[in-house]
Amino acid sequence: MNVSSRWCVTALFALGALACSDPVPPPAQGAFIASVGPAPITPPMRACPTSAFTYDVPQVRDMALAEVLDADNYTHKIINGQSGASVGCSVKGGGSAFTFSGEISQNGRALSITGGTLGADRKGTATITITNQQRLSPAQLVSPPGACAIDAAAAAGNTFEVAAGRIWAHFKCSSVELMPANYCGAEGYFVLENCEQ
């Protein structure tokens, strides 16, 4: 085999290897909206360090757009690595059980979810960290482990879902806190897509 023939075989092998390689998965993306404020029941000597407020990522409410994230509207999202956005997530399982975690953050606003579990009814619990550098001091409040109720069950009036790699759900935390004094309640919605599965 001459040099020219060997080059052609090598080139074909290299092209074949490229053609057979796995495609690059799309980046994680998502959105959240969270309402934070005084908890209905607050322990003695503790209080929420802010009046009630709602914030979201992307910042749809700040732009006075009507399409804020809720139980049946998911119009705007951020994509990991674009415009200073960071999204990372994992949604694993199927059938009767799921585990999930994720973080959505941009411009000093974030929602972090860890230790999430859902049963066959698509309801469960998670630990949630609320971050807002403009409205909270300190900037982060964290729920007790597993203290946030998660609802991803499809029903009339919502478009919730959970499947390997994605979740759309409501969350409600009886408390998000920072010892010794800070104690608030929080609830809202989140969507995570293109997650590890």
C-alpha atoms as a PDB file:
ATOM      1  CA  MET A   1       0.000   0.000   0.000  1.00  0.00           C
ATOM      2  CA  ASN A   2       1.465   3.344  -1.033  1.00  0.00           C
ATOM      3  CA  VAL A   3       1.430   6.528   1.052  1.00  0.00           C
ATOM      4  CA  SER A   4      -1.638   7.921  -0.724  1.00  0.00           C
ATOM      5  CA  SER A   5      -3.657   4.756  -0.075  1.00  0.00           C
ATOM      6  CA  ARG A   6      -2.641   4.659   3.582  1.00  0.00           C
ATOM      7  CA  TRP A   7      -3.752   8.309   3.993  1.00  0.00           C
ATOM      8  CA  CYS A   8      -7.178   7.513   2.479  1.00  0.00           C
ATOM      9  CA  VAL A   9      -7.722   4.560   4.838  1.00  0.00           C
ATOM     10  CA  THR A  10      -6.686   6.656   7.844  1.00  0.00           C
ATOM     11  CA  ALA A  11      -8.980   9.526   6.809  1.00  0.00           C
ATOM     12  CA  LEU A  12     -11.933   7.177   6.314  1.00  0.00           C
ATOM     13  CA  PHE A  13     -11.320   5.600   9.722  1.00  0.00           C
ATOM     14  CA  ALA A  14     -11.187   9.032  11.387  1.00  0.00           C
ATOM     15  CA  LEU A  15     -14.369  10.190   9.666  1.00  0.00           C
ATOM     16  CA  GLY A  16     -16.120   6.987  10.652  1.00  0.00           C
ATOM     17  CA  ALA A  17     -15.119   7.469  14.270  1.00  0.00           C
ATOM     18  CA  LEU A  18     -16.529  11.003  14.221  1.00  0.00           C
ATOM     19  CA  ALA A  19     -19.763   9.839  12.641  1.00  0.00           C
ATOM     20  CA  CYS A  20     -20.239   7.173  15.302  1.00  0.00           C
ATOM     21  CA  SER A  21     -19.486   9.356  18.342  1.00  0.00           C
ATOM     22  CA  ASP A  22     -22.345  10.230  20.705  1.00  0.00           C
ATOM     23  CA  PRO A  23     -24.014  13.611  20.086  1.00  0.00           C
ATOM     24  CA  VAL A  24     -23.361  16.343  22.625  1.00  0.00           C
ATOM     25  CA  PRO A  25     -26.395  16.561  24.948  1.00  0.00           C
ATOM     26  CA  PRO A  26     -28.230  19.899  25.061  1.00  0.00           C
ATOM     27  CA  PRO A  27     -27.374  22.150  28.015  1.00  0.00           C
ATOM     28  CA  ALA A  28     -29.570  22.141  31.118  1.00  0.00           C
ATOM     29  CA  GLN A  29     -32.232  24.829  31.184  1.00  0.00           C
ATOM     30  CA  GLY A  30     -35.102  25.955  33.374  1.00  0.00           C
ATOM     31  CA  ALA A  31     -36.821  28.629  35.412  1.00  0.00           C
ATOM     32  CA  PHE A  32     -38.224  29.299  38.862  1.00  0.00           C
ATOM     33  CA  ILE A  33     -40.424  31.725  40.742  1.00  0.00           C
ATOM     34  CA  ALA A  34     -40.380  31.966  44.537  1.00  0.00           C
ATOM     35  CA  SER A  35     -42.424  33.924  47.061  1.00  0.00           C
ATOM     36  CA  VAL A  36     -40.668  34.531  50.385  1.00  0.00           C
ATOM     37  CA  GLY A  37     -42.118  36.084  53.508  1.00  0.00           C
ATOM     38  CA  PRO A  38     -43.007  35.646  57.159  1.00  0.00           C
ATOM     39  CA  ALA A  39     -43.971  32.067  58.011  1.00  0.00           C
ATOM     40  CA  PRO A  40     -47.526  31.411  59.283  1.00  0.00           C
ATOM     41  CA  ILE A  41     -46.098  30.013  62.520  1.00  0.00           C
ATOM     42  CA  THR A  42     -42.807  31.472  63.748  1.00  0.00           C
ATOM     43  CA  PRO A  43     -40.892  30.190  66.764  1.00  0.00           C
ATOM     44  CA  PRO A  44     -40.196  32.610  69.631  1.00  0.00           C
ATOM     45  CA  MET A  45     -37.201  34.917  69.204  1.00  0.00           C
ATOM     46  CA  ARG A  46     -37.118  34.365  65.444  1.00  0.00           C
ATOM     47  CA  ALA A  47     -38.465  36.410  62.502  1.00  0.00           C
ATOM     48  CA  CYS A  48     -38.276  36.811  58.753  1.00  0.00           C
ATOM     49  CA  PRO A  49     -35.662  39.471  57.887  1.00  0.00           C
ATOM     50  CA  THR A  50     -37.800  40.868  55.053  1.00  0.00           C
ATOM     51  CA  SER A  51     -41.359  41.735  54.151  1.00  0.00           C
ATOM     52  CA  ALA A  52     -43.006  39.422  51.651  1.00  0.00           C
ATOM     53  CA  PHE A  53     -41.613  39.524  48.119  1.00  0.00           C
ATOM     54  CA  THR A  54     -41.601  37.418  44.942  1.00  0.00           C
ATOM     55  CA  TYR A  55     -38.692  36.972  42.561  1.00  0.00           C
ATOM     56  CA  ASP A  56     -37.915  34.819  39.556  1.00  0.00           C
ATOM     57  CA  VAL A  57     -35.242  33.632  37.143  1.00  0.00           C
ATOM     58  CA  PRO A  58     -35.378  34.662  34.386  1.00  0.00           C
ATOM     59  CA  GLN A  59     -36.525  38.055  35.664  1.00  0.00           C
ATOM     60  CA  VAL A  60     -39.912  38.074  33.937  1.00  0.00           C
ATOM     61  CA  ARG A  61     -41.769  39.921  36.716  1.00  0.00           C
ATOM     62  CA  ASP A  62     -39.205  42.744  36.712  1.00  0.00           C
ATOM     63  CA  MET A  63     -39.895  43.312  33.010  1.00  0.00           C
ATOM     64  CA  ALA A  64     -43.673  43.507  33.664  1.00  0.00           C
ATOM     65  CA  LEU A  65     -44.319  40.606  31.286  1.00  0.00           C
ATOM     66  CA  ALA A  66     -47.506  38.602  31.733  1.00  0.00           C
ATOM     67  CA  GLU A  67     -45.958  35.185  31.155  1.00  0.00           C
ATOM     68  CA  VAL A  68     -44.562  34.467  34.618  1.00  0.00           C
ATOM     69  CA  LEU A  69     -43.925  30.854  35.487  1.00  0.00           C
ATOM     70  CA  ASP A  70     -46.859  29.198  37.238  1.00  0.00           C
ATOM     71  CA  ALA A  71     -48.723  25.883  37.280  1.00  0.00           C
ATOM     72  CA  ASP A  72     -49.548  25.945  33.570  1.00  0.00           C
ATOM     73  CA  ASN A  73     -47.312  28.579  31.939  1.00  0.00           C
ATOM     74  CA  TYR A  74     -43.655  28.050  31.098  1.00  0.00           C
ATOM     75  CA  THR A  75     -42.718  30.590  28.432  1.00  0.00           C
ATOM     76  CA  HIS A  76     -39.305  31.914  29.486  1.00  0.00           C
ATOM     77  CA  LYS A  77     -36.196  30.019  30.596  1.00  0.00           C
ATOM     78  CA  ILE A  78     -32.470  30.382  31.097  1.00  0.00           C
ATOM     79  CA  ILE A  79     -29.900  28.070  29.535  1.00  0.00           C
ATOM     80  CA  ASN A  80     -26.752  26.981  31.308  1.00  0.00           C
ATOM     81  CA  GLY A  81     -23.756  29.045  30.177  1.00  0.00           C
ATOM     82  CA  GLN A  82     -25.736  31.776  28.418  1.00  0.00           C
ATOM     83  CA  SER A  83     -25.974  35.397  29.657  1.00  0.00           C
ATOM     84  CA  GLY A  84     -24.351  34.582  32.988  1.00  0.00           C
ATOM     85  CA  ALA A  85     -26.886  31.848  33.732  1.00  0.00           C
ATOM     86  CA  SER A  86     -26.098  28.631  35.553  1.00  0.00           C
ATOM     87  CA  VAL A  87     -28.391  25.598  35.464  1.00  0.00           C
ATOM     88  CA  GLY A  88     -27.466  22.117  36.604  1.00  0.00           C
ATOM     89  CA  CYS A  89     -29.801  19.261  37.449  1.00  0.00           C
ATOM     90  CA  SER A  90     -30.412  15.568  37.819  1.00  0.00           C
ATOM     91  CA  VAL A  91     -33.775  13.793  37.539  1.00  0.00           C
ATOM     92  CA  LYS A  92     -33.576  10.012  37.763  1.00  0.00           C
ATOM     93  CA  GLY A  93     -36.062   7.191  38.047  1.00  0.00           C
ATOM     94  CA  GLY A  94     -39.440   6.308  36.629  1.00  0.00           C
ATOM     95  CA  GLY A  95     -42.662   4.552  37.437  1.00  0.00           C
ATOM     96  CA  SER A  96     -43.080   4.593  41.195  1.00  0.00           C
ATOM     97  CA  ALA A  97     -40.065   6.642  42.312  1.00  0.00           C
ATOM     98  CA  PHE A  98     -37.889   9.569  41.275  1.00  0.00           C
ATOM     99  CA  THR A  99     -34.904  11.352  42.781  1.00  0.00           C
ATOM    100  CA  PHE A 100     -33.939  14.856  41.720  1.00  0.00           C
ATOM    101  CA  SER A 101     -31.731  17.844  42.453  1.00  0.00           C
ATOM    102  CA  GLY A 102     -30.895  21.068  40.695  1.00  0.00           C
ATOM    103  CA  GLU A 103     -29.845  24.688  40.792  1.00  0.00           C
ATOM    104  CA  ILE A 104     -31.003  27.663  38.734  1.00  0.00           C
ATOM    105  CA  SER A 105     -29.105  30.934  39.180  1.00  0.00           C
ATOM    106  CA  GLN A 106     -28.524  34.265  37.482  1.00  0.00           C
ATOM    107  CA  ASN A 107     -27.671  37.794  38.672  1.00  0.00           C
ATOM    108  CA  GLY A 108     -27.506  36.954  42.372  1.00  0.00           C
ATOM    109  CA  ARG A 109     -30.854  35.136  42.390  1.00  0.00           C
ATOM    110  CA  ALA A 110     -30.988  31.373  42.788  1.00  0.00           C
ATOM    111  CA  LEU A 111     -32.997  28.343  43.810  1.00  0.00           C
ATOM    112  CA  SER A 112     -31.150  25.199  44.837  1.00  0.00           C
ATOM    113  CA  ILE A 113     -32.861  21.842  45.376  1.00  0.00           C
ATOM    114  CA  THR A 114     -31.174  18.836  47.011  1.00  0.00           C
ATOM    115  CA  GLY A 115     -32.310  15.432  48.224  1.00  0.00           C
ATOM    116  CA  GLY A 116     -35.541  15.509  46.215  1.00  0.00           C
ATOM    117  CA  THR A 117     -37.699  12.376  46.167  1.00  0.00           C
ATOM    118  CA  LEU A 118     -41.106  11.664  44.615  1.00  0.00           C
ATOM    119  CA  GLY A 119     -43.331   8.620  44.997  1.00  0.00           C
ATOM    120  CA  ALA A 120     -45.797   6.981  42.624  1.00  0.00           C
ATOM    121  CA  ASP A 121     -48.257   9.849  43.234  1.00  0.00           C
ATOM    122  CA  ARG A 122     -45.585  12.292  41.987  1.00  0.00           C
ATOM    123  CA  LYS A 123     -45.475  14.021  45.371  1.00  0.00           C
ATOM    124  CA  GLY A 124     -42.587  14.130  47.811  1.00  0.00           C
ATOM    125  CA  THR A 125     -40.043  16.291  49.590  1.00  0.00           C
ATOM    126  CA  ALA A 126     -36.767  18.153  49.082  1.00  0.00           C
ATOM    127  CA  THR A 127     -34.377  20.560  50.768  1.00  0.00           C
ATOM    128  CA  ILE A 128     -34.447  24.029  49.187  1.00  0.00           C
ATOM    129  CA  THR A 129     -32.064  26.974  49.420  1.00  0.00           C
ATOM    130  CA  ILE A 130     -33.390  30.440  48.550  1.00  0.00           C
ATOM    131  CA  THR A 131     -30.843  33.026  47.369  1.00  0.00           C
ATOM    132  CA  ASN A 132     -31.513  36.682  46.629  1.00  0.00           C
ATOM    133  CA  GLN A 133     -28.620  39.090  47.047  1.00  0.00           C
ATOM    134  CA  GLN A 134     -30.837  42.142  46.488  1.00  0.00           C
ATOM    135  CA  ARG A 135     -33.611  41.373  49.006  1.00  0.00           C
ATOM    136  CA  LEU A 136     -32.202  39.076  51.693  1.00  0.00           C
ATOM    137  CA  SER A 137     -29.589  39.791  54.332  1.00  0.00           C
ATOM    138  CA  PRO A 138     -28.053  37.276  54.733  1.00  0.00           C
ATOM    139  CA  ALA A 139     -28.487  36.403  51.066  1.00  0.00           C
ATOM    140  CA  GLN A 140     -29.399  32.719  51.631  1.00  0.00           C
ATOM    141  CA  LEU A 141     -32.033  30.881  53.622  1.00  0.00           C
ATOM    142  CA  VAL A 142     -32.212  27.077  53.747  1.00  0.00           C
ATOM    143  CA  SER A 143     -35.077  24.765  54.607  1.00  0.00           C
ATOM    144  CA  PRO A 144     -34.539  22.009  57.170  1.00  0.00           C
ATOM    145  CA  PRO A 145     -33.602  18.736  55.410  1.00  0.00           C
ATOM    146  CA  GLY A 146     -36.539  17.384  53.429  1.00  0.00           C
ATOM    147  CA  ALA A 147     -38.916  20.003  54.834  1.00  0.00           C
ATOM    148  CA  CYS A 148     -40.260  21.327  51.513  1.00  0.00           C
ATOM    149  CA  ALA A 149     -43.317  19.644  49.988  1.00  0.00           C
ATOM    150  CA  ILE A 150     -42.947  18.984  46.237  1.00  0.00           C
ATOM    151  CA  ASP A 151     -45.921  18.388  43.923  1.00  0.00           C
ATOM    152  CA  ALA A 152     -45.249  17.278  40.341  1.00  0.00           C
ATOM    153  CA  ALA A 153     -48.582  15.467  39.859  1.00  0.00           C
ATOM    154  CA  ALA A 154     -50.430  16.387  36.670  1.00  0.00           C
ATOM    155  CA  ALA A 155     -53.983  17.536  37.420  1.00  0.00           C
ATOM    156  CA  ALA A 156     -56.662  19.896  36.179  1.00  0.00           C
ATOM    157  CA  GLY A 157     -55.267  23.412  36.118  1.00  0.00           C
ATOM    158  CA  ASN A 158     -51.601  22.483  35.893  1.00  0.00           C
ATOM    159  CA  THR A 159     -49.072  21.127  33.424  1.00  0.00           C
ATOM    160  CA  PHE A 160     -46.809  19.509  36.008  1.00  0.00           C
ATOM    161  CA  GLU A 161     -44.736  16.512  34.977  1.00  0.00           C
ATOM    162  CA  VAL A 162     -41.760  14.439  35.956  1.00  0.00           C
ATOM    163  CA  ALA A 163     -39.774  12.031  33.803  1.00  0.00           C
ATOM    164  CA  ALA A 164     -36.154  10.999  33.562  1.00  0.00           C
ATOM    165  CA  GLY A 165     -34.265  14.207  32.763  1.00  0.00           C
ATOM    166  CA  ARG A 166     -37.006  16.771  33.491  1.00  0.00           C
ATOM    167  CA  ILE A 167     -39.425  18.051  36.130  1.00  0.00           C
ATOM    168  CA  TRP A 168     -42.051  20.810  36.460  1.00  0.00           C
ATOM    169  CA  ALA A 169     -43.370  21.163  39.997  1.00  0.00           C
ATOM    170  CA  HIS A 170     -44.694  23.310  42.831  1.00  0.00           C
ATOM    171  CA  PHE A 171     -42.793  23.621  46.102  1.00  0.00           C
ATOM    172  CA  LYS A 172     -43.865  24.813  49.530  1.00  0.00           C
ATOM    173  CA  CYS A 173     -41.455  25.153  52.457  1.00  0.00           C
ATOM    174  CA  SER A 174     -42.900  25.635  55.932  1.00  0.00           C
ATOM    175  CA  SER A 175     -39.609  27.336  56.736  1.00  0.00           C
ATOM    176  CA  VAL A 176     -36.388  28.550  55.160  1.00  0.00           C
ATOM    177  CA  GLU A 177     -33.995  29.651  57.857  1.00  0.00           C
ATOM    178  CA  LEU A 178     -30.637  30.778  59.099  1.00  0.00           C
ATOM    179  CA  MET A 179     -29.891  30.291  62.766  1.00  0.00           C
ATOM    180  CA  PRO A 180     -30.137  31.851  65.217  1.00  0.00           C
ATOM    181  CA  ALA A 181     -32.790  34.422  64.258  1.00  0.00           C
ATOM    182  CA  ASN A 182     -33.941  34.226  60.628  1.00  0.00           C
ATOM    183  CA  TYR A 183     -37.091  32.246  59.835  1.00  0.00           C
ATOM    184  CA  CYS A 184     -39.302  32.676  56.751  1.00  0.00           C
ATOM    185  CA  GLY A 185     -41.719  30.664  54.640  1.00  0.00           C
ATOM    186  CA  ALA A 186     -41.365  30.096  50.881  1.00  0.00           C
ATOM    187  CA  GLU A 187     -43.242  28.597  47.969  1.00  0.00           C
ATOM    188  CA  GLY A 188     -43.272  28.703  44.201  1.00  0.00           C
ATOM    189  CA  TYR A 189     -42.676  26.749  41.008  1.00  0.00           C
ATOM    190  CA  PHE A 190     -39.653  25.406  39.173  1.00  0.00           C
ATOM    191  CA  VAL A 191     -38.890  23.725  35.859  1.00  0.00           C
ATOM    192  CA  LEU A 192     -35.687  21.809  35.096  1.00  0.00           C
ATOM    193  CA  GLU A 193     -34.965  20.297  31.655  1.00  0.00           C
ATOM    194  CA  ASN A 194     -32.164  18.454  29.869  1.00  0.00           C
ATOM    195  CA  CYS A 195     -31.011  17.082  33.217  1.00  0.00           C
ATOM    196  CA  GLU A 196     -28.736  14.162  33.955  1.00  0.00           C
ATOM    197  CA  GLN A 197     -30.853  11.004  34.029  1.00  0.00           C
END
